[in-house]
Amino acid sequence: MRFRHYIIRLNRYLKTYGIFKTTRHLFAYLKSDIIQNKYIIFFSELTEAADELDRLPENITIEPRKSINELSSAELERLSSYWIAEIIKDDLTERYKRDNATLWLLKYNNEIAAFIWTTTKLLESDRFFPYGQRDIYLFDAGTFPEYRGRHYQPVLMKHIQKKLKEAGFTRCFIYVRELNGAMLRSISRSGWKKFGTARKFHLCGYDVVIWSDMANAK
């Protein structure tokens, strides 16, 4: 199924951008994934989050969705325009199989503008080190193109951190590729601390993690 998803994504990119840009995109992806696969790992001490939620900006609401059945048909259609309609239900089903998985939707005038996932169980391929029972992770953040530049991701992250504190979690982690400047800028506005920088490789059936620093590891 995963291979089929890759083919669908590649075909969509090819139809949209043509062979030249698609080839360049593939080389850039391989370079990033194999040669420059360095991640900066950030964490937030949820015990330090404010007890009261800040007032959200005007016309903004943030809504959690804890299962695919909680998503309305309008929300699924909107998310399909960001992901790919042919595989969105497969992707959502896979993510909701993870422990405590929640999709957080930031809406502007009731239209989804940004989103991010949380879970207490990452895939083994995404894990860098052992975690505590009350740790939780943010992953797969996205902002729709027409809403970029409005700094909605920091608003969403701060709101989620306070909600996670209320739920009894103690630390929240997020991994960001070193080359992902947009997400790094969002992180800088959200009060995260740097945990460390690492690369991860899968060799001969084993995951190998190489740390270049562990700034706040405890």
C-alpha atoms as a PDB file:
ATOM      1  CA  MET A   1       0.000   0.000   0.000  1.00  0.00           C
ATOM      2  CA  ARG A   2       2.798   2.424   0.896  1.00  0.00           C
ATOM      3  CA  PHE A   3       4.484   1.859  -2.502  1.00  0.00           C
ATOM      4  CA  ARG A   4       1.155   2.563  -4.216  1.00  0.00           C
ATOM      5  CA  HIS A   5       0.926   5.837  -2.293  1.00  0.00           C
ATOM      6  CA  TYR A   6       4.403   6.864  -3.474  1.00  0.00           C
ATOM      7  CA  ILE A   7       3.400   6.196  -7.095  1.00  0.00           C
ATOM      8  CA  ILE A   8       0.186   8.221  -6.734  1.00  0.00           C
ATOM      9  CA  ARG A   9       2.081  11.154  -5.195  1.00  0.00           C
ATOM     10  CA  LEU A  10       4.754  11.019  -7.889  1.00  0.00           C
ATOM     11  CA  ASN A  11       2.155  10.893 -10.668  1.00  0.00           C
ATOM     12  CA  ARG A  12       0.311  13.873  -9.194  1.00  0.00           C
ATOM     13  CA  TYR A  13       3.532  15.886  -8.955  1.00  0.00           C
ATOM     14  CA  LEU A  14       4.432  14.949 -12.547  1.00  0.00           C
ATOM     15  CA  LYS A  15       1.049  16.081 -13.889  1.00  0.00           C
ATOM     16  CA  THR A  16       1.292  19.358 -11.980  1.00  0.00           C
ATOM     17  CA  TYR A  17       4.909  20.357 -12.577  1.00  0.00           C
ATOM     18  CA  GLY A  18       6.189  18.361 -15.569  1.00  0.00           C
ATOM     19  CA  ILE A  19       9.122  16.017 -16.033  1.00  0.00           C
ATOM     20  CA  PHE A  20      11.929  18.559 -15.467  1.00  0.00           C
ATOM     21  CA  LYS A  21      10.700  19.810 -12.099  1.00  0.00           C
ATOM     22  CA  THR A  22       9.705  16.298 -11.047  1.00  0.00           C
ATOM     23  CA  THR A  23      13.206  14.976 -11.760  1.00  0.00           C
ATOM     24  CA  ARG A  24      14.776  17.872  -9.891  1.00  0.00           C
ATOM     25  CA  HIS A  25      12.365  17.283  -6.990  1.00  0.00           C
ATOM     26  CA  LEU A  26      13.307  13.591  -6.827  1.00  0.00           C
ATOM     27  CA  PHE A  27      17.023  14.359  -6.709  1.00  0.00           C
ATOM     28  CA  ALA A  28      16.445  16.986  -4.013  1.00  0.00           C
ATOM     29  CA  TYR A  29      14.362  14.495  -2.006  1.00  0.00           C
ATOM     30  CA  LEU A  30      17.008  11.766  -2.254  1.00  0.00           C
ATOM     31  CA  LYS A  31      19.742  14.212  -1.269  1.00  0.00           C
ATOM     32  CA  SER A  32      17.714  15.393   1.709  1.00  0.00           C
ATOM     33  CA  ASP A  33      16.637  11.906   2.790  1.00  0.00           C
ATOM     34  CA  ILE A  34      19.971  10.113   2.372  1.00  0.00           C
ATOM     35  CA  ILE A  35      22.735  12.701   2.629  1.00  0.00           C
ATOM     36  CA  GLN A  36      21.238  15.590   4.584  1.00  0.00           C
ATOM     37  CA  ASN A  37      18.765  13.735   6.800  1.00  0.00           C
ATOM     38  CA  LYS A  38      19.633  15.735   9.897  1.00  0.00           C
ATOM     39  CA  TYR A  39      16.826  16.455  12.345  1.00  0.00           C
ATOM     40  CA  ILE A  40      16.693  19.022  15.094  1.00  0.00           C
ATOM     41  CA  ILE A  41      14.682  17.661  18.007  1.00  0.00           C
ATOM     42  CA  PHE A  42      12.773  20.125  20.180  1.00  0.00           C
ATOM     43  CA  PHE A  43      10.786  19.607  23.347  1.00  0.00           C
ATOM     44  CA  SER A  44       8.458  21.530  25.596  1.00  0.00           C
ATOM     45  CA  GLU A  45       8.139  21.091  29.358  1.00  0.00           C
ATOM     46  CA  LEU A  46       4.370  21.018  29.561  1.00  0.00           C
ATOM     47  CA  THR A  47       4.462  21.594  33.318  1.00  0.00           C
ATOM     48  CA  GLU A  48       5.693  25.107  32.495  1.00  0.00           C
ATOM     49  CA  ALA A  49       2.764  25.883  30.157  1.00  0.00           C
ATOM     50  CA  ALA A  50       0.315  28.497  31.414  1.00  0.00           C
ATOM     51  CA  ASP A  51      -2.744  27.121  33.215  1.00  0.00           C
ATOM     52  CA  GLU A  52      -5.150  29.359  31.316  1.00  0.00           C
ATOM     53  CA  LEU A  53      -5.516  29.315  27.558  1.00  0.00           C
ATOM     54  CA  ASP A  54      -4.740  32.568  25.795  1.00  0.00           C
ATOM     55  CA  ARG A  55      -7.589  34.115  23.863  1.00  0.00           C
ATOM     56  CA  LEU A  56      -7.418  32.957  20.261  1.00  0.00           C
ATOM     57  CA  PRO A  57      -7.179  35.543  17.456  1.00  0.00           C
ATOM     58  CA  GLU A  58     -10.466  36.781  16.055  1.00  0.00           C
ATOM     59  CA  ASN A  59     -12.318  34.303  13.805  1.00  0.00           C
ATOM     60  CA  ILE A  60      -9.954  31.462  14.831  1.00  0.00           C
ATOM     61  CA  THR A  61     -11.090  28.189  16.397  1.00  0.00           C
ATOM     62  CA  ILE A  62      -9.052  25.053  17.209  1.00  0.00           C
ATOM     63  CA  GLU A  63     -10.802  21.690  17.201  1.00  0.00           C
ATOM     64  CA  PRO A  64      -9.409  18.193  17.957  1.00  0.00           C
ATOM     65  CA  ARG A  65     -10.479  15.150  15.970  1.00  0.00           C
ATOM     66  CA  LYS A  66      -9.710  11.847  17.738  1.00  0.00           C
ATOM     67  CA  SER A  67     -11.025   9.479  15.048  1.00  0.00           C
ATOM     68  CA  ILE A  68     -11.788   9.514  11.355  1.00  0.00           C
ATOM     69  CA  ASN A  69     -15.491   9.299  12.220  1.00  0.00           C
ATOM     70  CA  GLU A  70     -15.292  12.707  13.919  1.00  0.00           C
ATOM     71  CA  LEU A  71     -14.268  14.380  10.671  1.00  0.00           C
ATOM     72  CA  SER A  72     -17.152  15.867   8.709  1.00  0.00           C
ATOM     73  CA  SER A  73     -17.492  15.375   4.967  1.00  0.00           C
ATOM     74  CA  ALA A  74     -16.560  19.045   4.478  1.00  0.00           C
ATOM     75  CA  GLU A  75     -13.411  18.595   6.575  1.00  0.00           C
ATOM     76  CA  LEU A  76     -12.417  15.471   4.651  1.00  0.00           C
ATOM     77  CA  GLU A  77     -12.914  17.311   1.369  1.00  0.00           C
ATOM     78  CA  ARG A  78     -10.793  20.210   2.584  1.00  0.00           C
ATOM     79  CA  LEU A  79      -8.007  17.915   3.788  1.00  0.00           C
ATOM     80  CA  SER A  80      -8.153  16.048   0.470  1.00  0.00           C
ATOM     81  CA  SER A  81      -7.204  19.265  -1.298  1.00  0.00           C
ATOM     82  CA  TYR A  82      -4.011  19.392   0.806  1.00  0.00           C
ATOM     83  CA  TRP A  83      -3.163  15.690   0.708  1.00  0.00           C
ATOM     84  CA  ILE A  84      -4.324  13.440  -2.137  1.00  0.00           C
ATOM     85  CA  ALA A  85      -7.952  12.389  -2.410  1.00  0.00           C
ATOM     86  CA  GLU A  86      -7.139   8.832  -3.563  1.00  0.00           C
ATOM     87  CA  ILE A  87      -5.130   7.998  -0.433  1.00  0.00           C
ATOM     88  CA  ILE A  88      -6.350  10.329   2.294  1.00  0.00           C
ATOM     89  CA  LYS A  89      -8.570   7.735   3.981  1.00  0.00           C
ATOM     90  CA  ASP A  90      -5.705   5.230   4.011  1.00  0.00           C
ATOM     91  CA  ASP A  91      -3.385   7.846   5.522  1.00  0.00           C
ATOM     92  CA  LEU A  92      -5.931   8.889   8.134  1.00  0.00           C
ATOM     93  CA  THR A  93      -6.665   5.276   9.060  1.00  0.00           C
ATOM     94  CA  GLU A  94      -2.937   4.572   9.496  1.00  0.00           C
ATOM     95  CA  ARG A  95      -2.406   7.610  11.722  1.00  0.00           C
ATOM     96  CA  TYR A  96      -5.448   6.915  13.883  1.00  0.00           C
ATOM     97  CA  LYS A  97      -4.111   3.433  14.654  1.00  0.00           C
ATOM     98  CA  ARG A  98      -1.346   5.084  16.694  1.00  0.00           C
ATOM     99  CA  ASP A  99      -1.855   5.462  20.450  1.00  0.00           C
ATOM    100  CA  ASN A 100      -3.709   8.633  21.511  1.00  0.00           C
ATOM    101  CA  ALA A 101      -3.637  10.004  17.957  1.00  0.00           C
ATOM    102  CA  THR A 102      -5.361  13.351  17.513  1.00  0.00           C
ATOM    103  CA  LEU A 103      -5.624  15.620  14.483  1.00  0.00           C
ATOM    104  CA  TRP A 104      -5.843  19.255  15.590  1.00  0.00           C
ATOM    105  CA  LEU A 105      -7.560  21.606  13.159  1.00  0.00           C
ATOM    106  CA  LEU A 106      -7.069  25.366  13.221  1.00  0.00           C
ATOM    107  CA  LYS A 107      -9.932  27.037  11.387  1.00  0.00           C
ATOM    108  CA  TYR A 108     -10.369  30.554  10.101  1.00  0.00           C
ATOM    109  CA  ASN A 109     -14.041  31.448   9.636  1.00  0.00           C
ATOM    110  CA  ASN A 110     -14.791  27.718   9.921  1.00  0.00           C
ATOM    111  CA  GLU A 111     -12.387  26.766   7.099  1.00  0.00           C
ATOM    112  CA  ILE A 112      -9.356  24.609   7.917  1.00  0.00           C
ATOM    113  CA  ALA A 113      -6.266  26.791   7.661  1.00  0.00           C
ATOM    114  CA  ALA A 114      -3.657  24.665   9.458  1.00  0.00           C
ATOM    115  CA  PHE A 115      -3.338  21.320  11.203  1.00  0.00           C
ATOM    116  CA  ILE A 116      -0.966  19.114  13.166  1.00  0.00           C
ATOM    117  CA  TRP A 117      -1.039  15.603  14.633  1.00  0.00           C
ATOM    118  CA  THR A 118      -0.196  14.390  18.148  1.00  0.00           C
ATOM    119  CA  THR A 119       0.434  10.821  19.323  1.00  0.00           C
ATOM    120  CA  THR A 120       2.105   8.961  22.169  1.00  0.00           C
ATOM    121  CA  LYS A 121       3.511   6.321  19.833  1.00  0.00           C
ATOM    122  CA  LEU A 122       5.667   7.164  16.859  1.00  0.00           C
ATOM    123  CA  LEU A 123       6.564   4.576  14.250  1.00  0.00           C
ATOM    124  CA  GLU A 124       9.789   2.726  15.092  1.00  0.00           C
ATOM    125  CA  SER A 125      11.415   4.277  12.029  1.00  0.00           C
ATOM    126  CA  ASP A 126      10.754   7.737  13.514  1.00  0.00           C
ATOM    127  CA  ARG A 127      12.034   7.089  17.047  1.00  0.00           C
ATOM    128  CA  PHE A 128      15.407   8.511  18.056  1.00  0.00           C
ATOM    129  CA  PHE A 129      15.566   7.384  21.706  1.00  0.00           C
ATOM    130  CA  PRO A 130      13.403   5.819  24.464  1.00  0.00           C
ATOM    131  CA  TYR A 131      10.621   8.044  25.750  1.00  0.00           C
ATOM    132  CA  GLY A 132       8.698   8.406  28.981  1.00  0.00           C
ATOM    133  CA  GLN A 133       5.133   7.221  29.524  1.00  0.00           C
ATOM    134  CA  ARG A 134       3.839  10.792  29.789  1.00  0.00           C
ATOM    135  CA  ASP A 135       5.687  12.069  26.715  1.00  0.00           C
ATOM    136  CA  ILE A 136       3.779  12.961  23.543  1.00  0.00           C
ATOM    137  CA  TYR A 137       4.808  14.018  20.032  1.00  0.00           C
ATOM    138  CA  LEU A 138       3.720  16.481  17.396  1.00  0.00           C
ATOM    139  CA  PHE A 139       4.135  15.461  13.745  1.00  0.00           C
ATOM    140  CA  ASP A 140       2.918  16.114  10.186  1.00  0.00           C
ATOM    141  CA  ALA A 141       2.106  19.803  10.506  1.00  0.00           C
ATOM    142  CA  GLY A 142       0.650  21.667   7.545  1.00  0.00           C
ATOM    143  CA  THR A 143      -0.684  25.090   6.593  1.00  0.00           C
ATOM    144  CA  PHE A 144      -2.812  25.674   3.507  1.00  0.00           C
ATOM    145  CA  PRO A 145      -1.027  27.906   0.961  1.00  0.00           C
ATOM    146  CA  GLU A 146      -3.515  30.785   1.172  1.00  0.00           C
ATOM    147  CA  TYR A 147      -2.958  31.029   4.941  1.00  0.00           C
ATOM    148  CA  ARG A 148       0.831  30.861   5.040  1.00  0.00           C
ATOM    149  CA  GLY A 149       2.641  33.847   6.519  1.00  0.00           C
ATOM    150  CA  ARG A 150      -0.012  34.455   9.184  1.00  0.00           C
ATOM    151  CA  HIS A 151       1.892  32.521  11.900  1.00  0.00           C
ATOM    152  CA  TYR A 152      -0.969  30.124  12.574  1.00  0.00           C
ATOM    153  CA  GLN A 153       1.297  27.171  13.442  1.00  0.00           C
ATOM    154  CA  PRO A 154       2.712  28.884  16.579  1.00  0.00           C
ATOM    155  CA  VAL A 155      -0.853  29.702  17.676  1.00  0.00           C
ATOM    156  CA  LEU A 156      -1.867  26.086  17.134  1.00  0.00           C
ATOM    157  CA  MET A 157       1.181  24.664  18.934  1.00  0.00           C
ATOM    158  CA  LYS A 158       0.761  26.862  22.016  1.00  0.00           C
ATOM    159  CA  HIS A 159      -2.902  25.921  22.276  1.00  0.00           C
ATOM    160  CA  ILE A 160      -2.101  22.211  21.952  1.00  0.00           C
ATOM    161  CA  GLN A 161       0.659  22.365  24.578  1.00  0.00           C
ATOM    162  CA  LYS A 162      -1.767  23.761  27.144  1.00  0.00           C
ATOM    163  CA  LYS A 163      -4.416  21.167  26.283  1.00  0.00           C
ATOM    164  CA  LEU A 164      -1.832  18.381  26.597  1.00  0.00           C
ATOM    165  CA  LYS A 165      -0.840  19.679  30.026  1.00  0.00           C
ATOM    166  CA  GLU A 166      -4.489  19.513  31.084  1.00  0.00           C
ATOM    167  CA  ALA A 167      -4.541  15.893  29.879  1.00  0.00           C
ATOM    168  CA  GLY A 168      -1.620  15.015  32.173  1.00  0.00           C
ATOM    169  CA  PHE A 169       1.294  14.848  29.748  1.00  0.00           C
ATOM    170  CA  THR A 170       4.660  16.199  30.937  1.00  0.00           C
ATOM    171  CA  ARG A 171       6.812  16.628  27.821  1.00  0.00           C
ATOM    172  CA  CYS A 172       6.059  17.217  24.163  1.00  0.00           C
ATOM    173  CA  PHE A 173       8.537  16.544  21.328  1.00  0.00           C
ATOM    174  CA  ILE A 174       8.730  17.581  17.709  1.00  0.00           C
ATOM    175  CA  TYR A 175      11.296  16.681  15.035  1.00  0.00           C
ATOM    176  CA  VAL A 176      12.190  19.163  12.302  1.00  0.00           C
ATOM    177  CA  ARG A 177      14.470  18.632   9.321  1.00  0.00           C
ATOM    178  CA  GLU A 178      17.390  21.032   9.445  1.00  0.00           C
ATOM    179  CA  LEU A 179      16.454  22.299   5.967  1.00  0.00           C
ATOM    180  CA  ASN A 180      12.813  23.034   6.900  1.00  0.00           C
ATOM    181  CA  GLY A 181      13.191  26.763   7.480  1.00  0.00           C
ATOM    182  CA  ALA A 182       9.447  27.494   7.667  1.00  0.00           C
ATOM    183  CA  MET A 183       8.844  25.026  10.520  1.00  0.00           C
ATOM    184  CA  LEU A 184      11.987  26.156  12.350  1.00  0.00           C
ATOM    185  CA  ARG A 185      10.638  29.708  12.282  1.00  0.00           C
ATOM    186  CA  SER A 186       7.319  28.482  13.706  1.00  0.00           C
ATOM    187  CA  ILE A 187       9.165  26.599  16.442  1.00  0.00           C
ATOM    188  CA  SER A 188      11.103  29.740  17.395  1.00  0.00           C
ATOM    189  CA  ARG A 189       7.793  31.532  18.070  1.00  0.00           C
ATOM    190  CA  SER A 190       6.359  28.738  20.215  1.00  0.00           C
ATOM    191  CA  GLY A 191       8.696  28.496  23.219  1.00  0.00           C
ATOM    192  CA  TRP A 192      10.335  25.155  22.378  1.00  0.00           C
ATOM    193  CA  LYS A 193      13.738  24.100  23.742  1.00  0.00           C
ATOM    194  CA  LYS A 194      16.368  22.308  21.704  1.00  0.00           C
ATOM    195  CA  PHE A 195      16.864  18.694  22.795  1.00  0.00           C
ATOM    196  CA  GLY A 196      19.525  17.775  20.258  1.00  0.00           C
ATOM    197  CA  THR A 197      20.473  17.212  16.630  1.00  0.00           C
ATOM    198  CA  ALA A 198      20.694  13.754  15.090  1.00  0.00           C
ATOM    199  CA  ARG A 199      20.789  11.705  11.914  1.00  0.00           C
ATOM    200  CA  LYS A 200      19.126   8.308  11.563  1.00  0.00           C
ATOM    201  CA  PHE A 201      19.997   5.508   9.145  1.00  0.00           C
ATOM    202  CA  HIS A 202      18.540   2.041   8.596  1.00  0.00           C
ATOM    203  CA  LEU A 203      21.395  -0.403   7.968  1.00  0.00           C
ATOM    204  CA  CYS A 204      21.225  -4.212   7.746  1.00  0.00           C
ATOM    205  CA  GLY A 205      17.973  -4.347   9.644  1.00  0.00           C
ATOM    206  CA  TYR A 206      19.086  -1.964  12.394  1.00  0.00           C
ATOM    207  CA  ASP A 207      18.384   1.693  13.073  1.00  0.00           C
ATOM    208  CA  VAL A 208      21.541   3.725  13.650  1.00  0.00           C
ATOM    209  CA  VAL A 209      21.261   7.152  15.309  1.00  0.00           C
ATOM    210  CA  ILE A 210      24.198   9.551  15.207  1.00  0.00           C
ATOM    211  CA  TRP A 211      23.970  12.539  17.554  1.00  0.00           C
ATOM    212  CA  SER A 212      25.893  15.726  16.858  1.00  0.00           C
ATOM    213  CA  ASP A 213      24.718  17.219  20.149  1.00  0.00           C
ATOM    214  CA  MET A 214      22.204  16.659  22.927  1.00  0.00           C
ATOM    215  CA  ALA A 215      21.688  20.166  24.243  1.00  0.00           C
ATOM    216  CA  ASN A 216      19.032  19.482  26.878  1.00  0.00           C
ATOM    217  CA  ALA A 217      18.963  15.702  27.173  1.00  0.00           C
ATOM    218  CA  LYS A 218      18.074  14.531  30.705  1.00  0.00           C
END
